[in-house]
All heavy atoms as atom14 arrays in JSON, in Angstrom:
{
  "sequence": "DIRVAIFEDNYLLRDGYFQLINGMPGFACVGAYDNAEDLVF",
  "atom14_mask": [
    [1, 1, 1, 1, 1, 1, 1, 1, 0, 0, 0, 0, 0, 0],
    [1, 1, 1, 1, 1, 1, 1, 1, 0, 0, 0, 0, 0, 0],
    [1, 1, 1, 1, 1, 1, 1, 1, 1, 1, 1, 0, 0, 0],
    [1, 1, 1, 1, 1, 1, 1, 0, 0, 0, 0, 0, 0, 0],
    [1, 1, 1, 1, 1, 0, 0, 0, 0, 0, 0, 0, 0, 0],
    [1, 1, 1, 1, 1, 1, 1, 1, 0, 0, 0, 0, 0, 0],
    [1, 1, 1, 1, 1, 1, 1, 1, 1, 1, 1, 0, 0, 0],
    [1, 1, 1, 1, 1, 1, 1, 1, 1, 0, 0, 0, 0, 0],
    [1, 1, 1, 1, 1, 1, 1, 1, 0, 0, 0, 0, 0, 0],
    [1, 1, 1, 1, 1, 1, 1, 1, 0, 0, 0, 0, 0, 0],
    [1, 1, 1, 1, 1, 1, 1, 1, 1, 1, 1, 1, 0, 0],
    [1, 1, 1, 1, 1, 1, 1, 1, 0, 0, 0, 0, 0, 0],
    [1, 1, 1, 1, 1, 1, 1, 1, 0, 0, 0, 0, 0, 0],
    [1, 1, 1, 1, 1, 1, 1, 1, 1, 1, 1, 0, 0, 0],
    [1, 1, 1, 1, 1, 1, 1, 1, 0, 0, 0, 0, 0, 0],
    [1, 1, 1, 1, 0, 0, 0, 0, 0, 0, 0, 0, 0, 0],
    [1, 1, 1, 1, 1, 1, 1, 1, 1, 1, 1, 1, 0, 0],
    [1, 1, 1, 1, 1, 1, 1, 1, 1, 1, 1, 0, 0, 0],
    [1, 1, 1, 1, 1, 1, 1, 1, 1, 0, 0, 0, 0, 0],
    [1, 1, 1, 1, 1, 1, 1, 1, 0, 0, 0, 0, 0, 0],
    [1, 1, 1, 1, 1, 1, 1, 1, 0, 0, 0, 0, 0, 0],
    [1, 1, 1, 1, 1, 1, 1, 1, 0, 0, 0, 0, 0, 0],
    [1, 1, 1, 1, 0, 0, 0, 0, 0, 0, 0, 0, 0, 0],
    [1, 1, 1, 1, 1, 1, 1, 1, 0, 0, 0, 0, 0, 0],
    [1, 1, 1, 1, 1, 1, 1, 0, 0, 0, 0, 0, 0, 0],
    [1, 1, 1, 1, 0, 0, 0, 0, 0, 0, 0, 0, 0, 0],
    [1, 1, 1, 1, 1, 1, 1, 1, 1, 1, 1, 0, 0, 0],
    [1, 1, 1, 1, 1, 0, 0, 0, 0, 0, 0, 0, 0, 0],
    [1, 1, 1, 1, 1, 1, 0, 0, 0, 0, 0, 0, 0, 0],
    [1, 1, 1, 1, 1, 1, 1, 0, 0, 0, 0, 0, 0, 0],
    [1, 1, 1, 1, 0, 0, 0, 0, 0, 0, 0, 0, 0, 0],
    [1, 1, 1, 1, 1, 0, 0, 0, 0, 0, 0, 0, 0, 0],
    [1, 1, 1, 1, 1, 1, 1, 1, 1, 1, 1, 1, 0, 0],
    [1, 1, 1, 1, 1, 1, 1, 1, 0, 0, 0, 0, 0, 0],
    [1, 1, 1, 1, 1, 1, 1, 1, 0, 0, 0, 0, 0, 0],
    [1, 1, 1, 1, 1, 0, 0, 0, 0, 0, 0, 0, 0, 0],
    [1, 1, 1, 1, 1, 1, 1, 1, 1, 0, 0, 0, 0, 0],
    [1, 1, 1, 1, 1, 1, 1, 1, 0, 0, 0, 0, 0, 0],
    [1, 1, 1, 1, 1, 1, 1, 1, 0, 0, 0, 0, 0, 0],
    [1, 1, 1, 1, 1, 1, 1, 0, 0, 0, 0, 0, 0, 0],
    [1, 1, 1, 1, 1, 1, 1, 1, 1, 1, 1, 0, 0, 0]
  ],
  "atom14_positions": [
    [[163.54, 112.88, 178.47], [162.45, 111.97, 177.89], [162.94, 110.97, 176.96], [163.88, 111.17, 176.19], [161.43, 112.78, 177.24], [160.68, 113.84, 178.16], [160.55, 113.56, 179.34], [159.99, 114.7, 177.62], [0.0, 0.0, 0.0], [0.0, 0.0, 0.0], [0.0, 0.0, 0.0], [0.0, 0.0, 0.0], [0.0, 0.0, 0.0], [0.0, 0.0, 0.0]],
    [[162.28, 109.85, 176.89], [162.44, 108.82, 175.94], [161.82, 109.35, 174.58], [160.62, 109.59, 174.71], [161.93, 107.4, 176.28], [162.75, 106.91, 177.5], [161.97, 106.42, 175.11], [162.11, 105.66, 178.17], [0.0, 0.0, 0.0], [0.0, 0.0, 0.0], [0.0, 0.0, 0.0], [0.0, 0.0, 0.0], [0.0, 0.0, 0.0], [0.0, 0.0, 0.0]],
    [[162.49, 109.42, 173.47], [162.13, 110.11, 172.33], [161.56, 108.97, 171.5], [162.3, 107.95, 171.07], [163.25, 110.76, 171.64], [163.8, 111.87, 172.36], [165.07, 112.51, 171.88], [165.1, 112.91, 170.48], [164.56, 114.05, 170.04], [164.16, 114.93, 171.01], [164.52, 114.28, 168.8], [0.0, 0.0, 0.0], [0.0, 0.0, 0.0], [0.0, 0.0, 0.0]],
    [[160.33, 108.98, 171.01], [159.57, 107.94, 170.24], [159.04, 108.5, 168.87], [158.65, 109.64, 168.86], [158.38, 107.45, 170.97], [157.76, 106.3, 170.26], [158.79, 106.96, 172.44], [0.0, 0.0, 0.0], [0.0, 0.0, 0.0], [0.0, 0.0, 0.0], [0.0, 0.0, 0.0], [0.0, 0.0, 0.0], [0.0, 0.0, 0.0], [0.0, 0.0, 0.0]],
    [[159.38, 107.82, 167.81], [158.9, 108.03, 166.48], [157.94, 107.01, 166.16], [158.13, 105.77, 166.4], [159.96, 108.12, 165.41], [0.0, 0.0, 0.0], [0.0, 0.0, 0.0], [0.0, 0.0, 0.0], [0.0, 0.0, 0.0], [0.0, 0.0, 0.0], [0.0, 0.0, 0.0], [0.0, 0.0, 0.0], [0.0, 0.0, 0.0], [0.0, 0.0, 0.0]],
    [[156.84, 107.37, 165.34], [155.75, 106.38, 165.09], [155.73, 106.31, 163.57], [155.78, 107.32, 162.81], [154.41, 106.95, 165.51], [154.33, 107.1, 167.04], [153.25, 105.99, 165.08], [153.27, 107.95, 167.5], [0.0, 0.0, 0.0], [0.0, 0.0, 0.0], [0.0, 0.0, 0.0], [0.0, 0.0, 0.0], [0.0, 0.0, 0.0], [0.0, 0.0, 0.0]],
    [[155.64, 105.15, 163.03], [155.45, 104.83, 161.62], [154.24, 103.95, 161.56], [154.2, 102.75, 161.81], [156.64, 104.02, 161.01], [157.81, 105.01, 160.82], [158.81, 105.18, 161.79], [158.11, 105.57, 159.53], [159.82, 105.95, 161.55], [159.15, 106.41, 159.33], [160.12, 106.57, 160.37], [0.0, 0.0, 0.0], [0.0, 0.0, 0.0], [0.0, 0.0, 0.0]],
    [[153.07, 104.58, 161.21], [151.79, 104.03, 161.08], [150.89, 104.6, 159.97], [150.74, 105.92, 160.06], [151.16, 104.1, 162.39], [149.65, 103.66, 162.53], [149.41, 102.24, 162.29], [149.89, 101.33, 162.92], [148.75, 102.16, 161.19], [0.0, 0.0, 0.0], [0.0, 0.0, 0.0], [0.0, 0.0, 0.0], [0.0, 0.0, 0.0], [0.0, 0.0, 0.0]],
    [[150.38, 103.87, 159.09], [149.7, 104.42, 158.07], [148.28, 104.75, 158.35], [147.58, 105.6, 157.74], [149.7, 103.5, 156.68], [149.12, 102.22, 156.88], [149.31, 101.59, 158.06], [148.53, 101.64, 156.09], [0.0, 0.0, 0.0], [0.0, 0.0, 0.0], [0.0, 0.0, 0.0], [0.0, 0.0, 0.0], [0.0, 0.0, 0.0], [0.0, 0.0, 0.0]],
    [[147.69, 104.16, 159.41], [146.27, 104.4, 159.78], [146.24, 105.69, 160.63], [146.88, 105.8, 161.7], [145.79, 103.22, 160.6], [144.37, 103.53, 161.09], [144.09, 104.32, 161.85], [143.55, 102.48, 160.74], [0.0, 0.0, 0.0], [0.0, 0.0, 0.0], [0.0, 0.0, 0.0], [0.0, 0.0, 0.0], [0.0, 0.0, 0.0], [0.0, 0.0, 0.0]],
    [[145.59, 106.76, 160.08], [145.62, 108.11, 160.76], [145.12, 108.01, 162.22], [145.77, 108.65, 163.17], [144.76, 109.14, 159.98], [144.63, 110.37, 160.86], [145.75, 111.28, 160.94], [143.51, 110.56, 161.51], [145.57, 112.38, 161.56], [143.32, 111.78, 162.22], [144.43, 112.75, 162.23], [144.27, 113.81, 162.96], [0.0, 0.0, 0.0], [0.0, 0.0, 0.0]],
    [[144.04, 107.32, 162.49], [143.36, 107.26, 163.77], [144.46, 106.53, 164.81], [144.64, 107.1, 165.91], [142.1, 106.53, 163.83], [141.02, 107.29, 163.17], [139.74, 106.46, 163.14], [140.74, 108.57, 163.75], [0.0, 0.0, 0.0], [0.0, 0.0, 0.0], [0.0, 0.0, 0.0], [0.0, 0.0, 0.0], [0.0, 0.0, 0.0], [0.0, 0.0, 0.0]],
    [[145.01, 105.43, 164.41], [146.09, 104.76, 165.34], [147.16, 105.7, 165.5], [147.7, 105.9, 166.65], [146.49, 103.47, 164.7], [145.49, 102.34, 164.79], [145.99, 101.09, 164.02], [145.28, 102.02, 166.25], [0.0, 0.0, 0.0], [0.0, 0.0, 0.0], [0.0, 0.0, 0.0], [0.0, 0.0, 0.0], [0.0, 0.0, 0.0], [0.0, 0.0, 0.0]],
    [[147.75, 106.19, 164.42], [148.91, 107.12, 164.58], [148.63, 108.28, 165.45], [149.36, 108.59, 166.37], [149.34, 107.6, 163.19], [150.66, 108.44, 163.13], [151.13, 108.75, 161.76], [150.24, 109.64, 161.12], [149.4, 109.32, 160.0], [149.38, 108.01, 159.56], [148.63, 110.23, 159.42], [0.0, 0.0, 0.0], [0.0, 0.0, 0.0], [0.0, 0.0, 0.0]],
    [[147.43, 109.02, 165.22], [147.15, 110.05, 166.13], [146.91, 109.58, 167.62], [147.32, 110.37, 168.56], [145.8, 110.85, 165.73], [145.61, 111.99, 166.41], [146.47, 112.99, 166.52], [144.57, 112.14, 167.03], [0.0, 0.0, 0.0], [0.0, 0.0, 0.0], [0.0, 0.0, 0.0], [0.0, 0.0, 0.0], [0.0, 0.0, 0.0], [0.0, 0.0, 0.0]],
    [[146.33, 108.49, 167.79], [146.08, 107.91, 169.23], [147.37, 107.6, 169.85], [147.59, 107.97, 171.07], [0.0, 0.0, 0.0], [0.0, 0.0, 0.0], [0.0, 0.0, 0.0], [0.0, 0.0, 0.0], [0.0, 0.0, 0.0], [0.0, 0.0, 0.0], [0.0, 0.0, 0.0], [0.0, 0.0, 0.0], [0.0, 0.0, 0.0], [0.0, 0.0, 0.0]],
    [[148.38, 106.99, 169.1], [149.72, 106.75, 169.73], [150.45, 108.11, 170.02], [150.99, 108.19, 171.12], [150.59, 105.94, 168.69], [150.03, 104.56, 168.47], [150.2, 104.03, 167.2], [149.45, 103.66, 169.46], [149.79, 102.68, 166.92], [149.05, 102.43, 169.18], [149.35, 101.93, 167.91], [148.84, 100.58, 167.7], [0.0, 0.0, 0.0], [0.0, 0.0, 0.0]],
    [[150.23, 109.0, 169.08], [150.92, 110.34, 169.29], [150.42, 110.93, 170.7], [151.29, 111.35, 171.46], [150.62, 111.25, 168.26], [151.27, 112.55, 168.26], [152.58, 112.85, 167.87], [150.49, 113.67, 168.69], [153.07, 114.07, 167.9], [151.04, 115.03, 168.83], [152.26, 115.15, 168.43], [0.0, 0.0, 0.0], [0.0, 0.0, 0.0], [0.0, 0.0, 0.0]],
    [[149.08, 111.0, 170.82], [148.49, 111.53, 171.9], [148.89, 110.76, 173.25], [149.2, 111.41, 174.31], [147.0, 111.63, 171.83], [146.41, 112.36, 170.74], [146.79, 113.94, 170.83], [146.93, 114.42, 171.9], [147.03, 114.47, 169.68], [0.0, 0.0, 0.0], [0.0, 0.0, 0.0], [0.0, 0.0, 0.0], [0.0, 0.0, 0.0], [0.0, 0.0, 0.0]],
    [[148.88, 109.44, 173.21], [149.12, 108.63, 174.27], [150.58, 108.85, 174.71], [150.99, 109.04, 175.96], [149.08, 107.13, 173.96], [149.32, 106.18, 175.09], [148.27, 106.26, 176.14], [149.18, 104.69, 174.49], [0.0, 0.0, 0.0], [0.0, 0.0, 0.0], [0.0, 0.0, 0.0], [0.0, 0.0, 0.0], [0.0, 0.0, 0.0], [0.0, 0.0, 0.0]],
    [[151.59, 108.81, 173.67], [152.99, 108.95, 174.03], [153.18, 110.34, 174.74], [153.92, 110.52, 175.65], [153.88, 108.65, 172.84], [153.73, 107.19, 172.41], [155.29, 109.2, 173.11], [154.35, 106.87, 171.14], [0.0, 0.0, 0.0], [0.0, 0.0, 0.0], [0.0, 0.0, 0.0], [0.0, 0.0, 0.0], [0.0, 0.0, 0.0], [0.0, 0.0, 0.0]],
    [[152.64, 111.41, 174.14], [153.02, 112.69, 174.66], [152.25, 112.9, 175.96], [152.58, 113.96, 176.66], [152.47, 113.77, 173.56], [153.58, 113.98, 172.49], [154.71, 113.86, 172.79], [153.24, 114.36, 171.24], [0.0, 0.0, 0.0], [0.0, 0.0, 0.0], [0.0, 0.0, 0.0], [0.0, 0.0, 0.0], [0.0, 0.0, 0.0], [0.0, 0.0, 0.0]],
    [[151.27, 112.09, 176.25], [150.52, 112.31, 177.55], [151.22, 111.53, 178.68], [150.7, 111.7, 179.81], [0.0, 0.0, 0.0], [0.0, 0.0, 0.0], [0.0, 0.0, 0.0], [0.0, 0.0, 0.0], [0.0, 0.0, 0.0], [0.0, 0.0, 0.0], [0.0, 0.0, 0.0], [0.0, 0.0, 0.0], [0.0, 0.0, 0.0], [0.0, 0.0, 0.0]],
    [[152.2, 110.78, 178.4], [152.92, 110.01, 179.42], [154.18, 110.67, 179.96], [154.96, 111.05, 179.1], [153.23, 108.62, 178.76], [151.97, 107.75, 178.54], [152.36, 106.16, 177.83], [153.65, 105.55, 178.81], [0.0, 0.0, 0.0], [0.0, 0.0, 0.0], [0.0, 0.0, 0.0], [0.0, 0.0, 0.0], [0.0, 0.0, 0.0], [0.0, 0.0, 0.0]],
    [[154.27, 110.96, 181.26], [155.55, 111.61, 181.73], [156.76, 110.72, 181.18], [156.73, 109.46, 181.3], [155.35, 111.53, 183.23], [153.83, 111.43, 183.4], [153.37, 110.6, 182.25], [0.0, 0.0, 0.0], [0.0, 0.0, 0.0], [0.0, 0.0, 0.0], [0.0, 0.0, 0.0], [0.0, 0.0, 0.0], [0.0, 0.0, 0.0], [0.0, 0.0, 0.0]],
    [[157.76, 111.47, 180.86], [159.04, 110.61, 180.48], [159.1, 110.28, 179.11], [160.05, 109.67, 178.7], [0.0, 0.0, 0.0], [0.0, 0.0, 0.0], [0.0, 0.0, 0.0], [0.0, 0.0, 0.0], [0.0, 0.0, 0.0], [0.0, 0.0, 0.0], [0.0, 0.0, 0.0], [0.0, 0.0, 0.0], [0.0, 0.0, 0.0], [0.0, 0.0, 0.0]],
    [[158.13, 110.6, 178.22], [158.11, 110.18, 176.87], [157.69, 111.51, 176.04], [157.04, 112.29, 176.46], [157.06, 109.19, 176.55], [157.41, 107.78, 177.1], [156.94, 107.47, 178.41], [158.16, 106.85, 176.49], [157.37, 106.3, 178.95], [158.36, 105.65, 176.96], [158.06, 105.39, 178.25], [0.0, 0.0, 0.0], [0.0, 0.0, 0.0], [0.0, 0.0, 0.0]],
    [[158.34, 111.52, 174.8], [157.99, 112.51, 173.9], [157.98, 111.91, 172.51], [158.84, 111.24, 172.1], [159.09, 113.63, 173.96], [0.0, 0.0, 0.0], [0.0, 0.0, 0.0], [0.0, 0.0, 0.0], [0.0, 0.0, 0.0], [0.0, 0.0, 0.0], [0.0, 0.0, 0.0], [0.0, 0.0, 0.0], [0.0, 0.0, 0.0], [0.0, 0.0, 0.0]],
    [[156.83, 112.17, 171.76], [156.8, 111.72, 170.33], [157.51, 112.72, 169.56], [157.06, 113.95, 169.37], [155.3, 111.64, 169.9], [155.08, 110.9, 168.32], [0.0, 0.0, 0.0], [0.0, 0.0, 0.0], [0.0, 0.0, 0.0], [0.0, 0.0, 0.0], [0.0, 0.0, 0.0], [0.0, 0.0, 0.0], [0.0, 0.0, 0.0], [0.0, 0.0, 0.0]],
    [[158.5, 112.34, 168.85], [159.4, 113.32, 168.05], [159.1, 113.14, 166.53], [159.66, 113.95, 165.79], [160.86, 113.0, 168.31], [161.18, 113.48, 169.77], [161.25, 111.74, 168.05], [0.0, 0.0, 0.0], [0.0, 0.0, 0.0], [0.0, 0.0, 0.0], [0.0, 0.0, 0.0], [0.0, 0.0, 0.0], [0.0, 0.0, 0.0], [0.0, 0.0, 0.0]],
    [[158.21, 112.34, 166.15], [157.79, 112.13, 164.79], [156.72, 111.11, 164.6], [156.75, 110.13, 165.27], [0.0, 0.0, 0.0], [0.0, 0.0, 0.0], [0.0, 0.0, 0.0], [0.0, 0.0, 0.0], [0.0, 0.0, 0.0], [0.0, 0.0, 0.0], [0.0, 0.0, 0.0], [0.0, 0.0, 0.0], [0.0, 0.0, 0.0], [0.0, 0.0, 0.0]],
    [[155.72, 111.5, 163.78], [154.61, 110.51, 163.4], [154.46, 110.56, 161.9], [154.04, 111.6, 161.34], [153.38, 111.02, 164.1], [0.0, 0.0, 0.0], [0.0, 0.0, 0.0], [0.0, 0.0, 0.0], [0.0, 0.0, 0.0], [0.0, 0.0, 0.0], [0.0, 0.0, 0.0], [0.0, 0.0, 0.0], [0.0, 0.0, 0.0], [0.0, 0.0, 0.0]],
    [[154.81, 109.41, 161.27], [154.81, 109.39, 159.83], [153.84, 108.22, 159.32], [153.69, 107.18, 159.95], [156.22, 108.89, 159.32], [157.22, 109.88, 159.98], [158.08, 109.39, 161.04], [157.39, 111.18, 159.56], [158.96, 110.25, 161.61], [158.37, 112.05, 160.13], [159.17, 111.49, 161.19], [160.01, 112.31, 161.68], [0.0, 0.0, 0.0], [0.0, 0.0, 0.0]],
    [[153.29, 108.47, 158.07], [152.26, 107.51, 157.53], [152.97, 106.54, 156.68], [152.4, 105.61, 156.08], [151.22, 108.26, 156.82], [151.62, 109.18, 155.59], [152.91, 109.21, 155.42], [150.67, 109.64, 155.0], [0.0, 0.0, 0.0], [0.0, 0.0, 0.0], [0.0, 0.0, 0.0], [0.0, 0.0, 0.0], [0.0, 0.0, 0.0], [0.0, 0.0, 0.0]],
    [[154.22, 106.63, 156.44], [154.96, 105.65, 155.55], [156.52, 105.71, 155.92], [156.84, 106.59, 156.64], [154.84, 106.01, 154.04], [155.27, 107.29, 153.7], [156.52, 107.55, 153.77], [154.44, 108.21, 153.17], [0.0, 0.0, 0.0], [0.0, 0.0, 0.0], [0.0, 0.0, 0.0], [0.0, 0.0, 0.0], [0.0, 0.0, 0.0], [0.0, 0.0, 0.0]],
    [[157.26, 104.76, 155.24], [158.76, 104.69, 155.61], [159.5, 105.19, 154.3], [160.74, 105.0, 154.25], [159.08, 103.31, 155.77], [0.0, 0.0, 0.0], [0.0, 0.0, 0.0], [0.0, 0.0, 0.0], [0.0, 0.0, 0.0], [0.0, 0.0, 0.0], [0.0, 0.0, 0.0], [0.0, 0.0, 0.0], [0.0, 0.0, 0.0], [0.0, 0.0, 0.0]],
    [[158.82, 105.94, 153.44], [159.59, 106.63, 152.4], [160.45, 107.62, 153.03], [160.17, 108.32, 154.05], [158.65, 107.31, 151.45], [157.64, 106.29, 150.7], [158.25, 105.21, 149.83], [159.35, 105.51, 149.27], [157.79, 104.13, 149.96], [0.0, 0.0, 0.0], [0.0, 0.0, 0.0], [0.0, 0.0, 0.0], [0.0, 0.0, 0.0], [0.0, 0.0, 0.0]],
    [[161.66, 107.85, 152.51], [162.68, 108.82, 153.15], [163.02, 108.44, 154.59], [163.2, 109.33, 155.41], [162.23, 110.29, 152.99], [161.98, 110.7, 151.61], [162.83, 110.25, 150.67], [161.04, 111.4, 151.28], [0.0, 0.0, 0.0], [0.0, 0.0, 0.0], [0.0, 0.0, 0.0], [0.0, 0.0, 0.0], [0.0, 0.0, 0.0], [0.0, 0.0, 0.0]],
    [[163.07, 107.17, 154.82], [163.2, 106.69, 156.18], [164.48, 107.19, 156.99], [164.37, 107.55, 157.98], [163.29, 105.07, 156.08], [163.48, 104.46, 157.48], [162.25, 104.5, 158.39], [163.76, 102.94, 157.16], [0.0, 0.0, 0.0], [0.0, 0.0, 0.0], [0.0, 0.0, 0.0], [0.0, 0.0, 0.0], [0.0, 0.0, 0.0], [0.0, 0.0, 0.0]],
    [[165.6, 107.16, 156.2], [166.8, 107.62, 156.86], [166.69, 109.07, 157.24], [167.08, 109.51, 158.28], [168.05, 107.28, 155.95], [169.31, 107.95, 156.44], [168.16, 105.76, 155.76], [0.0, 0.0, 0.0], [0.0, 0.0, 0.0], [0.0, 0.0, 0.0], [0.0, 0.0, 0.0], [0.0, 0.0, 0.0], [0.0, 0.0, 0.0], [0.0, 0.0, 0.0]],
    [[166.21, 109.84, 156.28], [165.92, 111.28, 156.55], [165.07, 111.49, 157.83], [165.42, 112.31, 158.72], [165.48, 112.08, 155.35], [164.98, 113.57, 155.62], [166.03, 114.48, 155.73], [163.71, 113.83, 155.94], [165.73, 115.75, 156.07], [163.4, 115.1, 156.25], [164.36, 116.05, 156.35], [0.0, 0.0, 0.0], [0.0, 0.0, 0.0], [0.0, 0.0, 0.0]]
  ]
}
């Protein structure tokens, strides 16, 4: 799977992207974050 991380502060958009990505064959959402603090980690 193509591993996707989301950085989006709007909860509804972030959750929508999470659901969309995980619902598509060949993709997996591996992280959904509301900010870029501790970005490298």
